[in-house]
PDB file of N, CA and C in Angstrom:
ATOM      1  N   MET A   1     -22.671  32.123  10.524  1.00  0.00           N
ATOM      2  CA  MET A   1     -21.632  31.206  11.657  1.00  0.00           C
ATOM      3  C   MET A   1     -22.402  30.076  11.218  1.00  0.00           C
ATOM      4  N   ASN A   2     -23.855  29.678  11.226  1.00  0.00           N
ATOM      5  CA  ASN A   2     -24.200  28.013  11.387  1.00  0.00           C
ATOM      6  C   ASN A   2     -23.861  27.651  10.047  1.00  0.00           C
ATOM      7  N   SER A   3     -24.077  28.414   9.125  1.00  0.00           N
ATOM      8  CA  SER A   3     -23.596  28.084   7.480  1.00  0.00           C
ATOM      9  C   SER A   3     -22.349  27.696   7.105  1.00  0.00           C
ATOM     10  N   LEU A   4     -21.530  28.139   7.901  1.00  0.00           N
ATOM     11  CA  LEU A   4     -19.995  27.839   7.901  1.00  0.00           C
ATOM     12  C   LEU A   4     -19.954  26.546   8.910  1.00  0.00           C
ATOM     13  N   LEU A   5     -20.244  26.382   9.982  1.00  0.00           N
ATOM     14  CA  LEU A   5     -19.974  25.229  10.550  1.00  0.00           C
ATOM     15  C   LEU A   5     -20.759  24.163   9.747  1.00  0.00           C
ATOM     16  N   SER A   6     -21.797  24.098   9.447  1.00  0.00           N
ATOM     17  CA  SER A   6     -22.860  22.933   8.605  1.00  0.00           C
ATOM     18  C   SER A   6     -21.965  22.990   7.551  1.00  0.00           C
ATOM     19  N   GLN A   7     -21.291  23.489   6.662  1.00  0.00           N
ATOM     20  CA  GLN A   7     -20.536  23.164   5.380  1.00  0.00           C
ATOM     21  C   GLN A   7     -19.195  22.712   5.996  1.00  0.00           C
ATOM     22  N   LEU A   8     -18.666  23.253   7.144  1.00  0.00           N
ATOM     23  CA  LEU A   8     -17.745  22.468   7.490  1.00  0.00           C
ATOM     24  C   LEU A   8     -17.540  20.865   7.523  1.00  0.00           C
ATOM     25  N   LEU A   9     -18.690  20.621   8.762  1.00  0.00           N
ATOM     26  CA  LEU A   9     -19.221  19.280   8.982  1.00  0.00           C
ATOM     27  C   LEU A   9     -19.548  18.807   7.419  1.00  0.00           C
ATOM     28  N   ILE A  10     -20.310  19.282   6.620  1.00  0.00           N
ATOM     29  CA  ILE A  10     -20.255  18.383   5.266  1.00  0.00           C
ATOM     30  C   ILE A  10     -18.872  18.251   4.547  1.00  0.00           C
ATOM     31  N   ASN A  11     -17.897  18.875   4.430  1.00  0.00           N
ATOM     32  CA  ASN A  11     -16.514  18.783   3.978  1.00  0.00           C
ATOM     33  C   ASN A  11     -15.871  17.454   4.953  1.00  0.00           C
ATOM     34  N   LEU A  12     -15.992  17.651   6.257  1.00  0.00           N
ATOM     35  CA  LEU A  12     -15.272  16.637   6.843  1.00  0.00           C
ATOM     36  C   LEU A  12     -16.206  15.226   6.716  1.00  0.00           C
ATOM     37  N   ALA A  13     -17.700  15.220   6.515  1.00  0.00           N
ATOM     38  CA  ALA A  13     -17.871  13.889   6.620  1.00  0.00           C
ATOM     39  C   ALA A  13     -17.741  13.686   4.861  1.00  0.00           C
ATOM     40  N   GLN A  14     -17.197  14.179   3.844  1.00  0.00           N
ATOM     41  CA  GLN A  14     -17.020  13.438   2.698  1.00  0.00           C
ATOM     42  C   GLN A  14     -15.334  13.240   2.444  1.00  0.00           C
ATOM     43  N   LYS A  15     -14.251  13.973   3.414  1.00  0.00           N
ATOM     44  CA  LYS A  15     -13.390  13.300   3.314  1.00  0.00           C
ATOM     45  C   LYS A  15     -13.527  12.251   3.868  1.00  0.00           C
ATOM     46  N   GLU A  16     -14.081  11.940   4.952  1.00  0.00           N
ATOM     47  CA  GLU A  16     -13.687  10.806   5.881  1.00  0.00           C
ATOM     48  C   GLU A  16     -14.429   9.899   4.692  1.00  0.00           C
ATOM     49  N   ALA A  17     -15.670  10.186   4.099  1.00  0.00           N
ATOM     50  CA  ALA A  17     -16.134   8.663   3.179  1.00  0.00           C
ATOM     51  C   ALA A  17     -15.191   8.760   2.153  1.00  0.00           C
ATOM     52  N   ALA A  18     -14.469   9.447   1.531  1.00  0.00           N
ATOM     53  CA  ALA A  18     -13.579   9.250   0.457  1.00  0.00           C
ATOM     54  C   ALA A  18     -12.173   8.190   1.271  1.00  0.00           C
ATOM     55  N   GLU A  19     -11.711   8.685   2.578  1.00  0.00           N
ATOM     56  CA  GLU A  19     -10.712   7.888   3.335  1.00  0.00           C
ATOM     57  C   GLU A  19     -11.448   6.455   3.026  1.00  0.00           C
ATOM     58  N   LYS A  20     -12.576   6.138   3.405  1.00  0.00           N
ATOM     59  CA  LYS A  20     -12.735   4.905   3.701  1.00  0.00           C
ATOM     60  C   LYS A  20     -12.733   3.859   2.485  1.00  0.00           C
ATOM     61  N   GLU A  21     -13.227   5.013   1.466  1.00  0.00           N
ATOM     62  CA  GLU A  21     -13.302   4.519  -0.072  1.00  0.00           C
ATOM     63  C   GLU A  21     -11.489   3.831  -0.158  1.00  0.00           C
ATOM     64  N   LEU A  22     -11.159   5.097  -0.293  1.00  0.00           N
ATOM     65  CA  LEU A  22      -9.418   4.662  -0.477  1.00  0.00           C
ATOM     66  C   LEU A  22      -9.025   3.444   0.327  1.00  0.00           C
ATOM     67  N   LEU A  23      -9.340   3.170   1.414  1.00  0.00           N
ATOM     68  CA  LEU A  23      -8.890   2.284   2.381  1.00  0.00           C
ATOM     69  C   LEU A  23      -9.192   0.834   2.042  1.00  0.00           C
ATOM     70  N   ALA A  24     -10.968   1.021   1.325  1.00  0.00           N
ATOM     71  CA  ALA A  24     -11.380  -0.284   0.893  1.00  0.00           C
ATOM     72  C   ALA A  24     -10.492  -0.682  -0.278  1.00  0.00           C
ATOM     73  N   THR A  25     -10.287   0.379  -1.015  1.00  0.00           N
ATOM     74  CA  THR A  25      -9.842   0.040  -2.249  1.00  0.00           C
ATOM     75  C   THR A  25      -8.170  -0.573  -2.114  1.00  0.00           C
ATOM     76  N   VAL A  26      -7.536   0.168  -1.105  1.00  0.00           N
ATOM     77  CA  VAL A  26      -6.106  -0.491  -0.849  1.00  0.00           C
ATOM     78  C   VAL A  26      -5.967  -1.942  -0.143  1.00  0.00           C
ATOM     79  N   GLU A  27      -7.290  -2.120   0.661  1.00  0.00           N
ATOM     80  CA  GLU A  27      -7.249  -3.403   1.172  1.00  0.00           C
ATOM     81  C   GLU A  27      -7.534  -4.550   0.126  1.00  0.00           C
ATOM     82  N   SER A  28      -8.365  -4.140  -0.586  1.00  0.00           N
ATOM     83  CA  SER A  28      -8.754  -5.051  -1.987  1.00  0.00           C
ATOM     84  C   SER A  28      -7.732  -5.550  -2.771  1.00  0.00           C
ATOM     85  N   LEU A  29      -7.015  -4.415  -2.880  1.00  0.00           N
ATOM     86  CA  LEU A  29      -5.571  -4.572  -4.005  1.00  0.00           C
ATOM     87  C   LEU A  29      -4.738  -5.823  -3.416  1.00  0.00           C
ATOM     88  N   GLU A  30      -4.512  -5.631  -1.893  1.00  0.00           N
ATOM     89  CA  GLU A  30      -4.010  -6.137  -1.273  1.00  0.00           C
ATOM     90  C   GLU A  30      -4.129  -7.695  -1.258  1.00  0.00           C
ATOM     91  N   ILE A  31      -5.257  -7.983  -1.163  1.00  0.00           N
ATOM     92  CA  ILE A  31      -5.884  -9.408  -0.960  1.00  0.00           C
ATOM     93  C   ILE A  31      -5.852  -9.834  -2.491  1.00  0.00           C
ATOM     94  N   LEU A  32      -5.558  -8.839  -3.580  1.00  0.00           N
ATOM     95  CA  LEU A  32      -5.570  -9.395  -4.780  1.00  0.00           C
ATOM     96  C   LEU A  32      -4.435  -9.878  -5.322  1.00  0.00           C
ATOM     97  N   VAL A  33      -3.260  -8.937  -4.831  1.00  0.00           N
ATOM     98  CA  VAL A  33      -2.127  -9.368  -4.990  1.00  0.00           C
ATOM     99  C   VAL A  33      -1.389 -10.295  -3.913  1.00  0.00           C
ATOM    100  N   ALA A  34      -2.226 -11.027  -2.960  1.00  0.00           N
ATOM    101  CA  ALA A  34      -1.559 -12.002  -2.303  1.00  0.00           C
ATOM    102  C   ALA A  34      -2.198 -13.026  -3.038  1.00  0.00           C
ATOM    103  N   ALA A  35      -3.654 -12.827  -3.344  1.00  0.00           N
ATOM    104  CA  ALA A  35      -3.857 -14.053  -4.098  1.00  0.00           C
ATOM    105  C   ALA A  35      -3.072 -14.665  -5.469  1.00  0.00           C
ATOM    106  N   ILE A  36      -2.740 -13.315  -6.144  1.00  0.00           N
ATOM    107  CA  ILE A  36      -2.046 -13.646  -7.322  1.00  0.00           C
ATOM    108  C   ILE A  36      -0.653 -14.476  -7.332  1.00  0.00           C
ATOM    109  N   LEU A  37      -0.036 -13.867  -5.997  1.00  0.00           N
ATOM    110  CA  LEU A  37       1.300 -14.739  -5.418  1.00  0.00           C
ATOM    111  C   LEU A  37       1.302 -15.260  -5.026  1.00  0.00           C
ATOM    112  N   THR A  38       0.499 -16.296  -4.390  1.00  0.00           N
ATOM    113  CA  THR A  38      -0.221 -17.234  -3.782  1.00  0.00           C
ATOM    114  C   THR A  38      -0.058 -18.260  -5.142  1.00  0.00           C
ATOM    115  N   SER A  39      -0.949 -18.133  -6.069  1.00  0.00           N
ATOM    116  CA  SER A  39      -1.253 -18.530  -7.288  1.00  0.00           C
ATOM    117  C   SER A  39      -0.211 -18.971  -8.277  1.00  0.00           C
ATOM    118  N   LEU A  40       0.897 -17.909  -7.717  1.00  0.00           N
ATOM    119  CA  LEU A  40       1.969 -18.328  -9.028  1.00  0.00           C
ATOM    120  C   LEU A  40       2.909 -19.767  -8.841  1.00  0.00           C
ATOM    121  N   GLY A  41       2.663 -20.026  -7.223  1.00  0.00           N
ATOM    122  CA  GLY A  41       4.073 -21.055  -7.403  1.00  0.00           C
ATOM    123  C   GLY A  41       5.101 -20.147  -6.308  1.00  0.00           C
ATOM    124  N   GLU A  42       6.006 -21.276  -5.624  1.00  0.00           N
ATOM    125  CA  GLU A  42       7.104 -21.167  -5.084  1.00  0.00           C
ATOM    126  C   GLU A  42       7.862 -20.382  -5.634  1.00  0.00           C
ATOM    127  N   GLU A  43       8.528 -20.648  -6.785  1.00  0.00           N
ATOM    128  CA  GLU A  43       9.653 -20.282  -7.401  1.00  0.00           C
ATOM    129  C   GLU A  43       9.311 -18.783  -8.108  1.00  0.00           C
ATOM    130  N   LYS A  44       8.231 -18.667  -9.324  1.00  0.00           N
ATOM    131  CA  LYS A  44       7.697 -17.633  -9.303  1.00  0.00           C
ATOM    132  C   LYS A  44       7.159 -16.598  -8.477  1.00  0.00           C
ATOM    133  N   THR A  45       7.048 -16.865  -7.338  1.00  0.00           N
ATOM    134  CA  THR A  45       6.279 -16.285  -6.254  1.00  0.00           C
ATOM    135  C   THR A  45       7.487 -15.198  -5.678  1.00  0.00           C
ATOM    136  N   ASP A  46       9.040 -15.963  -5.575  1.00  0.00           N
ATOM    137  CA  ASP A  46       9.782 -15.373  -4.983  1.00  0.00           C
ATOM    138  C   ASP A  46      11.059 -14.817  -6.234  1.00  0.00           C
ATOM    139  N   GLU A  47      10.793 -14.992  -7.467  1.00  0.00           N
ATOM    140  CA  GLU A  47      11.438 -14.135  -8.159  1.00  0.00           C
ATOM    141  C   GLU A  47      10.812 -12.607  -8.385  1.00  0.00           C
ATOM    142  N   VAL A  48       8.999 -12.581  -8.186  1.00  0.00           N
ATOM    143  CA  VAL A  48       8.338 -11.312  -8.225  1.00  0.00           C
ATOM    144  C   VAL A  48       8.917 -10.685  -7.181  1.00  0.00           C
ATOM    145  N   ILE A  49       8.728 -11.028  -5.883  1.00  0.00           N
ATOM    146  CA  ILE A  49       9.365 -10.710  -4.646  1.00  0.00           C
ATOM    147  C   ILE A  49      10.586  -9.833  -5.024  1.00  0.00           C
ATOM    148  N   SER A  50      11.646 -11.049  -5.316  1.00  0.00           N
ATOM    149  CA  SER A  50      13.362 -10.186  -5.727  1.00  0.00           C
ATOM    150  C   SER A  50      13.130  -8.891  -6.440  1.00  0.00           C
ATOM    151  N   THR A  51      12.138  -9.061  -7.381  1.00  0.00           N
ATOM    152  CA  THR A  51      12.290  -7.776  -8.661  1.00  0.00           C
ATOM    153  C   THR A  51      11.663  -6.728  -8.021  1.00  0.00           C
ATOM    154  N   ILE A  52      10.538  -7.000  -6.867  1.00  0.00           N
ATOM    155  CA  ILE A  52      10.299  -5.789  -5.997  1.00  0.00           C
ATOM    156  C   ILE A  52      10.776  -5.230  -5.202  1.00  0.00           C
ATOM    157  N   ASN A  53      11.666  -6.239  -4.667  1.00  0.00           N
ATOM    158  CA  ASN A  53      12.756  -5.837  -3.737  1.00  0.00           C
ATOM    159  C   ASN A  53      13.806  -4.835  -4.366  1.00  0.00           C
ATOM    160  N   ARG A  54      14.291  -5.414  -5.671  1.00  0.00           N
ATOM    161  CA  ARG A  54      15.251  -4.246  -6.422  1.00  0.00           C
ATOM    162  C   ARG A  54      14.643  -3.412  -6.550  1.00  0.00           C
ATOM    163  N   ALA A  55      13.127  -3.313  -7.201  1.00  0.00           N
ATOM    164  CA  ALA A  55      13.047  -1.850  -7.641  1.00  0.00           C
ATOM    165  C   ALA A  55      12.690  -0.845  -6.154  1.00  0.00           C
ATOM    166  N   LEU A  56      12.726  -1.371  -4.894  1.00  0.00           N
ATOM    167  CA  LEU A  56      12.648  -0.852  -3.827  1.00  0.00           C
ATOM    168  C   LEU A  56      14.094  -0.239  -3.534  1.00  0.00           C
ATOM    169  N   ASP A  57      15.261  -1.030  -3.524  1.00  0.00           N
ATOM    170  CA  ASP A  57      16.687  -0.523  -3.295  1.00  0.00           C
ATOM    171  C   ASP A  57      16.928   0.211  -4.283  1.00  0.00           C
ATOM    172  N   GLU A  58      16.363   0.325  -5.480  1.00  0.00           N
ATOM    173  CA  GLU A  58      16.979   1.380  -6.568  1.00  0.00           C
ATOM    174  C   GLU A  58      16.115   2.724  -6.328  1.00  0.00           C
ATOM    175  N   MET A  59      14.988   2.799  -5.602  1.00  0.00           N
ATOM    176  CA  MET A  59      14.624   4.026  -5.560  1.00  0.00           C
ATOM    177  C   MET A  59      15.024   4.345  -4.031  1.00  0.00           C
ATOM    178  N   ARG A  60      15.794   3.560  -2.835  1.00  0.00           N
ATOM    179  CA  ARG A  60      16.462   3.894  -1.901  1.00  0.00           C
ATOM    180  C   ARG A  60      17.733   4.536  -2.302  1.00  0.00           C
ATOM    181  N   ALA A  61      17.835   3.943  -3.282  1.00  0.00           N
ATOM    182  CA  ALA A  61      19.407   4.749  -3.591  1.00  0.00           C
ATOM    183  C   ALA A  61      19.548   5.775  -4.279  1.00  0.00           C
ATOM    184  N   ARG A  62      18.326   6.451  -4.664  1.00  0.00           N
ATOM    185  CA  ARG A  62      18.514   7.775  -5.263  1.00  0.00           C
ATOM    186  C   ARG A  62      18.758   8.782  -4.571  1.00  0.00           C
ATOM    187  N   LYS A  63      18.178   8.239  -3.015  1.00  0.00           N
ATOM    188  CA  LYS A  63      18.667   9.134  -2.043  1.00  0.00           C
ATOM    189  C   LYS A  63      17.953  10.463  -1.535  1.00  0.00           C
ATOM    190  N   ASP A  64      16.680  10.331  -2.313  1.00  0.00           N
ATOM    191  CA  ASP A  64      15.892  11.377  -2.267  1.00  0.00           C
ATOM    192  C   ASP A  64      15.255  11.696  -0.934  1.00  0.00           C
ATOM    193  N   GLU A  65      15.670  12.249  -0.139  1.00  0.00           N
ATOM    194  CA  GLU A  65      15.432  12.287   1.463  1.00  0.00           C
ATOM    195  C   GLU A  65      13.481  12.485   1.658  1.00  0.00           C
ATOM    196  N   THR A  66      12.724  13.425   0.677  1.00  0.00           N
ATOM    197  CA  THR A  66      11.694  13.317   1.355  1.00  0.00           C
ATOM    198  C   THR A  66      11.126  12.259   0.944  1.00  0.00           C
ATOM    199  N   ARG A  67      11.458  11.194   0.146  1.00  0.00           N
ATOM    200  CA  ARG A  67      10.661  10.039  -0.335  1.00  0.00           C
ATOM    201  C   ARG A  67      11.202   9.259   0.835  1.00  0.00           C
ATOM    202  N   VAL A  68      12.187   9.000   1.552  1.00  0.00           N
ATOM    203  CA  VAL A  68      12.524   8.166   2.784  1.00  0.00           C
ATOM    204  C   VAL A  68      11.491   7.363   3.444  1.00  0.00           C
ATOM    205  N   SER A  69      10.398   8.360   3.813  1.00  0.00           N
ATOM    206  CA  SER A  69       9.644   7.586   4.665  1.00  0.00           C
ATOM    207  C   SER A  69       8.289   6.944   3.936  1.00  0.00           C
ATOM    208  N   ASP A  70       8.437   7.480   2.786  1.00  0.00           N
ATOM    209  CA  ASP A  70       7.397   6.704   1.668  1.00  0.00           C
ATOM    210  C   ASP A  70       7.657   5.662   1.204  1.00  0.00           C
ATOM    211  N   ILE A  71       9.166   5.105   1.066  1.00  0.00           N
ATOM    212  CA  ILE A  71       9.691   4.349   1.039  1.00  0.00           C
ATOM    213  C   ILE A  71       9.531   3.131   1.942  1.00  0.00           C
ATOM    214  N   ASP A  72      10.002   3.563   2.854  1.00  0.00           N
ATOM    215  CA  ASP A  72       9.776   2.724   4.321  1.00  0.00           C
ATOM    216  C   ASP A  72       8.874   2.009   4.575  1.00  0.00           C
ATOM    217  N   LEU A  73       7.744   2.871   4.412  1.00  0.00           N
ATOM    218  CA  LEU A  73       6.313   2.416   4.547  1.00  0.00           C
ATOM    219  C   LEU A  73       5.369   1.539   3.813  1.00  0.00           C
ATOM    220  N   LEU A  74       6.075   2.080   2.198  1.00  0.00           N
ATOM    221  CA  LEU A  74       6.206   1.091   1.352  1.00  0.00           C
ATOM    222  C   LEU A  74       6.590  -0.418   1.305  1.00  0.00           C
ATOM    223  N   SER A  75       7.828  -0.475   1.546  1.00  0.00           N
ATOM    224  CA  SER A  75       8.634  -1.639   2.066  1.00  0.00           C
ATOM    225  C   SER A  75       7.708  -2.517   2.940  1.00  0.00           C
ATOM    226  N   ALA A  76       7.474  -1.790   3.927  1.00  0.00           N
ATOM    227  CA  ALA A  76       7.024  -2.364   5.155  1.00  0.00           C
ATOM    228  C   ALA A  76       5.708  -2.936   4.928  1.00  0.00           C
ATOM    229  N   ASN A  77       4.922  -2.245   4.257  1.00  0.00           N
ATOM    230  CA  ASN A  77       3.815  -3.007   3.419  1.00  0.00           C
ATOM    231  C   ASN A  77       3.758  -4.366   2.380  1.00  0.00           C
ATOM    232  N   ILE A  78       4.968  -3.999   1.823  1.00  0.00           N
ATOM    233  CA  ILE A  78       4.741  -4.869   0.660  1.00  0.00           C
ATOM    234  C   ILE A  78       5.549  -6.207   1.506  1.00  0.00           C
ATOM    235  N   GLU A  79       6.375  -6.031   2.502  1.00  0.00           N
ATOM    236  CA  GLU A  79       6.987  -7.365   3.426  1.00  0.00           C
ATOM    237  C   GLU A  79       5.538  -7.738   4.205  1.00  0.00           C
ATOM    238  N   ARG A  80       4.838  -7.053   4.641  1.00  0.00           N
ATOM    239  CA  ARG A  80       3.863  -7.974   5.256  1.00  0.00           C
ATOM    240  C   ARG A  80       2.636  -8.645   4.362  1.00  0.00           C
ATOM    241  N   ILE A  81       2.468  -8.356   3.155  1.00  0.00           N
ATOM    242  CA  ILE A  81       1.963  -8.937   2.184  1.00  0.00           C
ATOM    243  C   ILE A  81       2.722  -9.989   2.096  1.00  0.00           C
ATOM    244  N   THR A  82       3.932 -10.058   1.513  1.00  0.00           N
ATOM    245  CA  THR A  82       4.667 -10.935   0.980  1.00  0.00           C
ATOM    246  C   THR A  82       4.606 -12.111   2.336  1.00  0.00           C
ATOM    247  N   ALA A  83       4.953 -11.792   3.411  1.00  0.00           N
ATOM    248  CA  ALA A  83       5.079 -12.740   4.527  1.00  0.00           C
ATOM    249  C   ALA A  83       4.038 -13.608   4.528  1.00  0.00           C
ATOM    250  N   VAL A  84       2.881 -13.032   4.489  1.00  0.00           N
ATOM    251  CA  VAL A  84       1.439 -13.602   4.311  1.00  0.00           C
ATOM    252  C   VAL A  84       1.545 -14.635   3.309  1.00  0.00           C
ATOM    253  N   VAL A  85       2.040 -14.682   2.041  1.00  0.00           N
ATOM    254  CA  VAL A  85       2.427 -15.415   0.942  1.00  0.00           C
ATOM    255  C   VAL A  85       3.138 -16.581   1.264  1.00  0.00           C
ATOM    256  N   ARG A  86       4.084 -16.277   1.688  1.00  0.00           N
ATOM    257  CA  ARG A  86       5.235 -17.161   1.938  1.00  0.00           C
ATOM    258  C   ARG A  86       4.853 -18.318   2.834  1.00  0.00           C
ATOM    259  N   ARG A  87       4.243 -17.687   4.004  1.00  0.00           N
ATOM    260  CA  ARG A  87       3.382 -18.286   5.196  1.00  0.00           C
ATOM    261  C   ARG A  87       2.757 -19.931   4.577  1.00  0.00           C
ATOM    262  N   ARG A  88       2.229 -19.726   3.306  1.00  0.00           N
ATOM    263  CA  ARG A  88       1.489 -20.728   2.769  1.00  0.00           C
ATOM    264  C   ARG A  88       2.228 -21.613   2.044  1.00  0.00           C
TER     265      ARG A  88
END
């Protein structure tokens, strides 16, 4: 029983460490994307954002119900990143 509990705790700790690493990677990528968009200039940034929004619209048009929440989450995160860029 102790061995099973120990193994479960080890697995939980490993998953938590992997989750933290993934979160750090995502946050790093968000910072990089924002920095790149900021360096492009206003016109090019607007063009890139429009391209991203068209891609999201195409994903929505496919009407894959299992992906609706994924697309909404992506859209919200992209909007958050681009809002930061547009404020500058």
